[in-house]
């Protein structure tokens, strides 16, 4: 993660069912669905004004850290989150055992 994002906090917005990261007045988000201690990450979006700066990656990293710190299991339906975990398989440790798409060839 770029140094400029380290001190920024991800916000779990339960009202809109989004994890949000605000940078320079613009908010990137991941839509989620929550049931018990399981969270489905569904869609990631970053405003065009933040394109190419690594904001979506920082948002994903901070969201995964939040999930781990709060003992959630993850169902990564969002293609960006799925791809991030494929590139960083150490995060499979928080993926719910029922999610087996990483095992598919």
N, C-alpha and C. Protein backbone atom coordinates (compact mmCIF):
# COMPACT_ATOMS: atom_id res chain seq x y z
N UNK A 1 0.85 -1.17 0.00
CA UNK A 1 0.00 0.00 0.00
C UNK A 1 0.90 1.24 0.00
N UNK A 2 0.48 2.21 -0.77
CA UNK A 2 1.24 3.45 -0.82
C UNK A 2 1.20 4.16 0.54
N UNK A 3 2.31 4.80 0.86
CA UNK A 3 2.45 5.46 2.16
C UNK A 3 1.36 6.49 2.42
N UNK A 4 0.91 7.17 1.38
CA UNK A 4 -0.10 8.23 1.56
C UNK A 4 -1.44 7.69 2.09
N UNK A 5 -1.66 6.38 1.97
CA UNK A 5 -2.94 5.79 2.41
C UNK A 5 -2.85 5.10 3.77
N UNK A 6 -1.65 4.90 4.29
CA UNK A 6 -1.48 4.13 5.51
C UNK A 6 -2.27 4.70 6.68
N UNK A 7 -2.26 5.99 6.85
CA UNK A 7 -2.93 6.60 8.01
C UNK A 7 -4.44 6.75 7.83
N UNK A 8 -4.95 6.53 6.63
CA UNK A 8 -6.39 6.66 6.39
C UNK A 8 -7.13 5.45 6.95
N UNK A 9 -8.32 5.70 7.48
CA UNK A 9 -9.12 4.64 8.07
C UNK A 9 -10.24 4.21 7.12
N UNK A 10 -10.45 2.90 7.03
CA UNK A 10 -11.60 2.39 6.32
C UNK A 10 -12.80 2.51 7.26
N UNK A 11 -13.95 2.85 6.71
CA UNK A 11 -15.18 3.00 7.49
C UNK A 11 -16.16 1.92 7.06
N UNK A 12 -16.67 1.18 8.03
CA UNK A 12 -17.74 0.21 7.74
C UNK A 12 -19.06 0.95 7.92
N UNK A 13 -19.67 1.31 6.80
CA UNK A 13 -20.91 2.07 6.82
C UNK A 13 -22.08 1.08 6.75
N UNK A 14 -22.63 0.76 7.92
CA UNK A 14 -23.72 -0.21 7.98
C UNK A 14 -25.01 0.32 7.35
N UNK A 15 -25.17 1.63 7.31
CA UNK A 15 -26.38 2.22 6.72
C UNK A 15 -26.46 1.95 5.21
N UNK A 16 -25.32 2.09 4.54
CA UNK A 16 -25.30 1.88 3.09
C UNK A 16 -24.68 0.54 2.68
N UNK A 17 -24.29 -0.28 3.69
CA UNK A 17 -23.65 -1.58 3.42
C UNK A 17 -22.42 -1.42 2.51
N UNK A 18 -21.54 -0.52 2.96
CA UNK A 18 -20.30 -0.27 2.20
C UNK A 18 -19.13 -0.10 3.16
N UNK A 19 -17.99 -0.60 2.72
CA UNK A 19 -16.72 -0.21 3.33
C UNK A 19 -16.25 0.97 2.50
N UNK A 20 -15.85 2.05 3.16
CA UNK A 20 -15.52 3.28 2.44
C UNK A 20 -14.13 3.79 2.83
N UNK A 21 -13.44 4.33 1.84
CA UNK A 21 -12.15 4.98 2.05
C UNK A 21 -12.20 6.30 1.30
N UNK A 22 -12.06 7.39 2.04
CA UNK A 22 -12.13 8.72 1.43
C UNK A 22 -10.72 9.28 1.26
N UNK A 23 -10.42 9.70 0.04
CA UNK A 23 -9.12 10.26 -0.32
C UNK A 23 -9.37 11.55 -1.08
N UNK A 24 -8.79 12.64 -0.61
CA UNK A 24 -8.92 13.94 -1.27
C UNK A 24 -10.38 14.32 -1.55
N UNK A 25 -11.26 13.97 -0.64
CA UNK A 25 -12.67 14.33 -0.78
C UNK A 25 -13.50 13.38 -1.63
N UNK A 26 -12.88 12.35 -2.19
CA UNK A 26 -13.59 11.36 -3.00
C UNK A 26 -13.61 10.04 -2.24
N UNK A 27 -14.72 9.30 -2.37
CA UNK A 27 -14.88 8.07 -1.62
C UNK A 27 -14.93 6.85 -2.53
N UNK A 28 -14.02 5.93 -2.31
CA UNK A 28 -14.05 4.62 -2.94
C UNK A 28 -14.79 3.68 -1.99
N UNK A 29 -15.45 2.66 -2.52
CA UNK A 29 -16.22 1.80 -1.64
C UNK A 29 -16.27 0.36 -2.14
N UNK A 30 -16.57 -0.53 -1.20
CA UNK A 30 -16.87 -1.92 -1.50
C UNK A 30 -18.25 -2.20 -0.91
N UNK A 31 -19.18 -2.61 -1.77
CA UNK A 31 -20.50 -3.01 -1.30
C UNK A 31 -20.38 -4.36 -0.60
N UNK A 32 -21.13 -4.52 0.49
CA UNK A 32 -21.09 -5.80 1.20
C UNK A 32 -22.48 -6.21 1.67
N UNK A 33 -22.56 -7.50 1.96
CA UNK A 33 -23.73 -8.10 2.61
C UNK A 33 -23.20 -8.82 3.84
N UNK A 34 -23.89 -8.69 4.94
CA UNK A 34 -23.41 -9.27 6.20
C UNK A 34 -24.49 -10.17 6.79
N UNK A 35 -24.06 -11.33 7.25
CA UNK A 35 -24.95 -12.24 7.97
C UNK A 35 -24.14 -12.91 9.05
N UNK A 36 -24.45 -12.57 10.30
CA UNK A 36 -23.67 -13.11 11.41
C UNK A 36 -22.24 -12.64 11.32
N UNK A 37 -21.31 -13.58 11.35
CA UNK A 37 -19.89 -13.24 11.26
C UNK A 37 -19.33 -13.46 9.86
N UNK A 38 -20.22 -13.54 8.87
CA UNK A 38 -19.79 -13.70 7.47
C UNK A 38 -20.10 -12.41 6.71
N UNK A 39 -19.17 -12.02 5.85
CA UNK A 39 -19.36 -10.83 5.00
C UNK A 39 -19.05 -11.21 3.56
N UNK A 40 -20.01 -10.88 2.70
CA UNK A 40 -19.84 -11.04 1.26
C UNK A 40 -19.40 -9.69 0.71
N UNK A 41 -18.23 -9.64 0.10
CA UNK A 41 -17.80 -8.42 -0.60
C UNK A 41 -18.25 -8.57 -2.05
N UNK A 42 -19.07 -7.63 -2.50
CA UNK A 42 -19.81 -7.80 -3.75
C UNK A 42 -19.25 -6.98 -4.91
N UNK A 43 -18.90 -5.73 -4.64
CA UNK A 43 -18.52 -4.82 -5.74
C UNK A 43 -17.62 -3.73 -5.20
N UNK A 44 -16.53 -3.45 -5.89
CA UNK A 44 -15.62 -2.37 -5.53
C UNK A 44 -15.70 -1.28 -6.59
N UNK A 45 -15.72 -0.03 -6.11
CA UNK A 45 -15.79 1.10 -7.04
C UNK A 45 -14.93 2.24 -6.51
N UNK A 46 -14.19 2.85 -7.41
CA UNK A 46 -13.36 3.99 -7.05
C UNK A 46 -13.65 5.10 -8.05
N UNK A 47 -13.85 6.34 -7.58
CA UNK A 47 -14.15 7.44 -8.50
C UNK A 47 -13.03 7.66 -9.52
N UNK A 48 -13.43 8.10 -10.68
CA UNK A 48 -12.47 8.36 -11.76
C UNK A 48 -11.36 9.32 -11.31
N UNK A 49 -11.70 10.25 -10.43
CA UNK A 49 -10.72 11.23 -9.94
C UNK A 49 -9.56 10.57 -9.18
N UNK A 50 -9.78 9.35 -8.71
CA UNK A 50 -8.74 8.63 -7.95
C UNK A 50 -8.06 7.54 -8.78
N UNK A 51 -8.42 7.43 -10.03
CA UNK A 51 -7.90 6.37 -10.90
C UNK A 51 -6.39 6.37 -10.97
N UNK A 52 -5.82 5.18 -10.93
CA UNK A 52 -4.38 5.01 -11.11
C UNK A 52 -3.53 5.33 -9.90
N UNK A 53 -4.16 5.62 -8.77
CA UNK A 53 -3.40 6.00 -7.57
C UNK A 53 -3.26 4.87 -6.56
N UNK A 54 -3.91 3.74 -6.81
CA UNK A 54 -3.83 2.62 -5.88
C UNK A 54 -4.85 2.68 -4.76
N UNK A 55 -5.87 3.51 -4.93
CA UNK A 55 -6.89 3.66 -3.88
C UNK A 55 -7.70 2.38 -3.72
N UNK A 56 -8.10 1.76 -4.82
CA UNK A 56 -8.89 0.53 -4.72
C UNK A 56 -8.10 -0.56 -4.01
N UNK A 57 -6.82 -0.67 -4.30
CA UNK A 57 -5.98 -1.66 -3.63
C UNK A 57 -5.88 -1.36 -2.14
N UNK A 58 -5.68 -0.10 -1.79
CA UNK A 58 -5.62 0.28 -0.37
C UNK A 58 -6.94 -0.03 0.32
N UNK A 59 -8.05 0.25 -0.36
CA UNK A 59 -9.36 -0.04 0.21
C UNK A 59 -9.52 -1.54 0.46
N UNK A 60 -9.13 -2.36 -0.50
CA UNK A 60 -9.23 -3.81 -0.33
C UNK A 60 -8.36 -4.27 0.83
N UNK A 61 -7.11 -3.81 0.89
CA UNK A 61 -6.20 -4.22 1.97
C UNK A 61 -6.76 -3.81 3.34
N UNK A 62 -7.24 -2.59 3.44
CA UNK A 62 -7.78 -2.11 4.72
C UNK A 62 -9.07 -2.85 5.10
N UNK A 63 -9.88 -3.18 4.11
CA UNK A 63 -11.11 -3.93 4.39
C UNK A 63 -10.79 -5.34 4.86
N UNK A 64 -9.85 -6.00 4.21
CA UNK A 64 -9.47 -7.35 4.64
C UNK A 64 -8.90 -7.32 6.05
N UNK A 65 -8.10 -6.32 6.36
CA UNK A 65 -7.55 -6.20 7.71
C UNK A 65 -8.67 -5.99 8.73
N UNK A 66 -9.65 -5.16 8.37
CA UNK A 66 -10.80 -4.94 9.26
C UNK A 66 -11.54 -6.25 9.51
N UNK A 67 -11.78 -7.01 8.45
CA UNK A 67 -12.49 -8.28 8.60
C UNK A 67 -11.74 -9.22 9.52
N UNK A 68 -10.43 -9.30 9.33
CA UNK A 68 -9.63 -10.18 10.18
C UNK A 68 -9.64 -9.71 11.64
N UNK A 69 -9.45 -8.43 11.86
CA UNK A 69 -9.41 -7.89 13.22
C UNK A 69 -10.74 -8.07 13.95
N UNK A 70 -11.83 -8.15 13.20
CA UNK A 70 -13.16 -8.27 13.80
C UNK A 70 -13.76 -9.67 13.64
N UNK A 71 -12.90 -10.63 13.31
CA UNK A 71 -13.27 -12.05 13.27
C UNK A 71 -14.40 -12.38 12.30
N UNK A 72 -14.41 -11.72 11.15
CA UNK A 72 -15.38 -12.05 10.11
C UNK A 72 -14.77 -13.09 9.18
N UNK A 73 -15.63 -13.92 8.61
CA UNK A 73 -15.18 -14.77 7.50
C UNK A 73 -15.65 -14.10 6.21
N UNK A 74 -14.90 -14.30 5.16
CA UNK A 74 -15.08 -13.57 3.91
C UNK A 74 -15.58 -14.47 2.80
N UNK A 75 -16.55 -13.95 2.07
CA UNK A 75 -16.98 -14.54 0.80
C UNK A 75 -16.66 -13.49 -0.27
N UNK A 76 -15.56 -13.69 -1.03
CA UNK A 76 -15.10 -12.65 -1.98
C UNK A 76 -15.76 -12.76 -3.36
N UNK A 77 -16.97 -12.24 -3.49
CA UNK A 77 -17.68 -12.29 -4.77
C UNK A 77 -17.20 -11.21 -5.74
N UNK A 78 -16.69 -10.10 -5.23
CA UNK A 78 -16.19 -9.02 -6.07
C UNK A 78 -14.97 -9.50 -6.85
N UNK A 79 -14.97 -9.34 -8.18
CA UNK A 79 -13.82 -9.79 -8.97
C UNK A 79 -12.49 -9.14 -8.56
N UNK A 80 -12.51 -7.87 -8.16
CA UNK A 80 -11.26 -7.22 -7.74
C UNK A 80 -10.73 -7.82 -6.44
N UNK A 81 -11.62 -8.07 -5.49
CA UNK A 81 -11.20 -8.67 -4.23
C UNK A 81 -10.70 -10.09 -4.47
N UNK A 82 -11.43 -10.84 -5.29
CA UNK A 82 -11.03 -12.21 -5.64
C UNK A 82 -9.63 -12.21 -6.25
N UNK A 83 -9.40 -11.32 -7.22
CA UNK A 83 -8.09 -11.24 -7.88
C UNK A 83 -7.01 -10.83 -6.90
N UNK A 84 -7.32 -9.91 -6.00
CA UNK A 84 -6.33 -9.49 -5.00
C UNK A 84 -5.91 -10.68 -4.14
N UNK A 85 -6.87 -11.48 -3.71
CA UNK A 85 -6.56 -12.63 -2.85
C UNK A 85 -5.78 -13.68 -3.64
N UNK A 86 -6.08 -13.84 -4.92
CA UNK A 86 -5.28 -14.77 -5.74
C UNK A 86 -3.82 -14.32 -5.80
N UNK A 87 -3.59 -13.01 -5.86
CA UNK A 87 -2.22 -12.48 -5.90
C UNK A 87 -1.57 -12.49 -4.52
N UNK A 88 -2.39 -12.49 -3.47
CA UNK A 88 -1.90 -12.46 -2.09
C UNK A 88 -2.59 -13.59 -1.31
N UNK A 89 -2.20 -14.85 -1.59
CA UNK A 89 -2.92 -15.99 -1.03
C UNK A 89 -2.89 -16.08 0.49
N UNK A 90 -2.03 -15.31 1.14
CA UNK A 90 -2.03 -15.32 2.61
C UNK A 90 -3.39 -14.85 3.16
N UNK A 91 -4.14 -14.11 2.36
CA UNK A 91 -5.46 -13.64 2.81
C UNK A 91 -6.52 -14.73 2.75
N UNK A 92 -6.20 -15.87 2.16
CA UNK A 92 -7.16 -16.99 2.16
C UNK A 92 -7.49 -17.41 3.58
N UNK A 93 -6.65 -17.02 4.53
CA UNK A 93 -6.88 -17.39 5.93
C UNK A 93 -8.20 -16.84 6.47
N UNK A 94 -8.75 -15.79 5.85
CA UNK A 94 -10.02 -15.25 6.35
C UNK A 94 -11.20 -15.63 5.45
N UNK A 95 -10.92 -16.34 4.35
CA UNK A 95 -11.99 -16.75 3.43
C UNK A 95 -12.78 -17.89 4.08
N UNK A 96 -14.09 -17.77 4.02
CA UNK A 96 -14.96 -18.79 4.58
C UNK A 96 -14.69 -20.14 3.89
N UNK A 97 -14.61 -21.23 4.67
CA UNK A 97 -14.33 -22.55 4.08
C UNK A 97 -15.35 -22.99 3.03
N UNK A 98 -16.55 -22.45 3.08
CA UNK A 98 -17.57 -22.83 2.10
C UNK A 98 -17.29 -22.24 0.72
N UNK A 99 -16.41 -21.25 0.64
CA UNK A 99 -16.07 -20.61 -0.63
C UNK A 99 -14.89 -21.37 -1.25
N UNK A 100 -15.16 -22.12 -2.31
CA UNK A 100 -14.14 -23.01 -2.86
C UNK A 100 -13.64 -22.59 -4.24
N UNK A 101 -14.00 -21.41 -4.72
CA UNK A 101 -13.61 -20.99 -6.07
C UNK A 101 -12.10 -20.87 -6.25
N UNK A 102 -11.36 -20.68 -5.17
CA UNK A 102 -9.91 -20.61 -5.31
C UNK A 102 -9.32 -21.96 -5.67
N UNK A 103 -10.07 -23.02 -5.41
CA UNK A 103 -9.58 -24.37 -5.69
C UNK A 103 -9.86 -24.79 -7.12
N UNK A 104 -10.69 -24.02 -7.84
CA UNK A 104 -11.04 -24.36 -9.22
C UNK A 104 -9.86 -24.09 -10.14
N UNK A 105 -9.72 -24.90 -11.16
CA UNK A 105 -8.62 -24.73 -12.12
C UNK A 105 -9.08 -23.96 -13.33
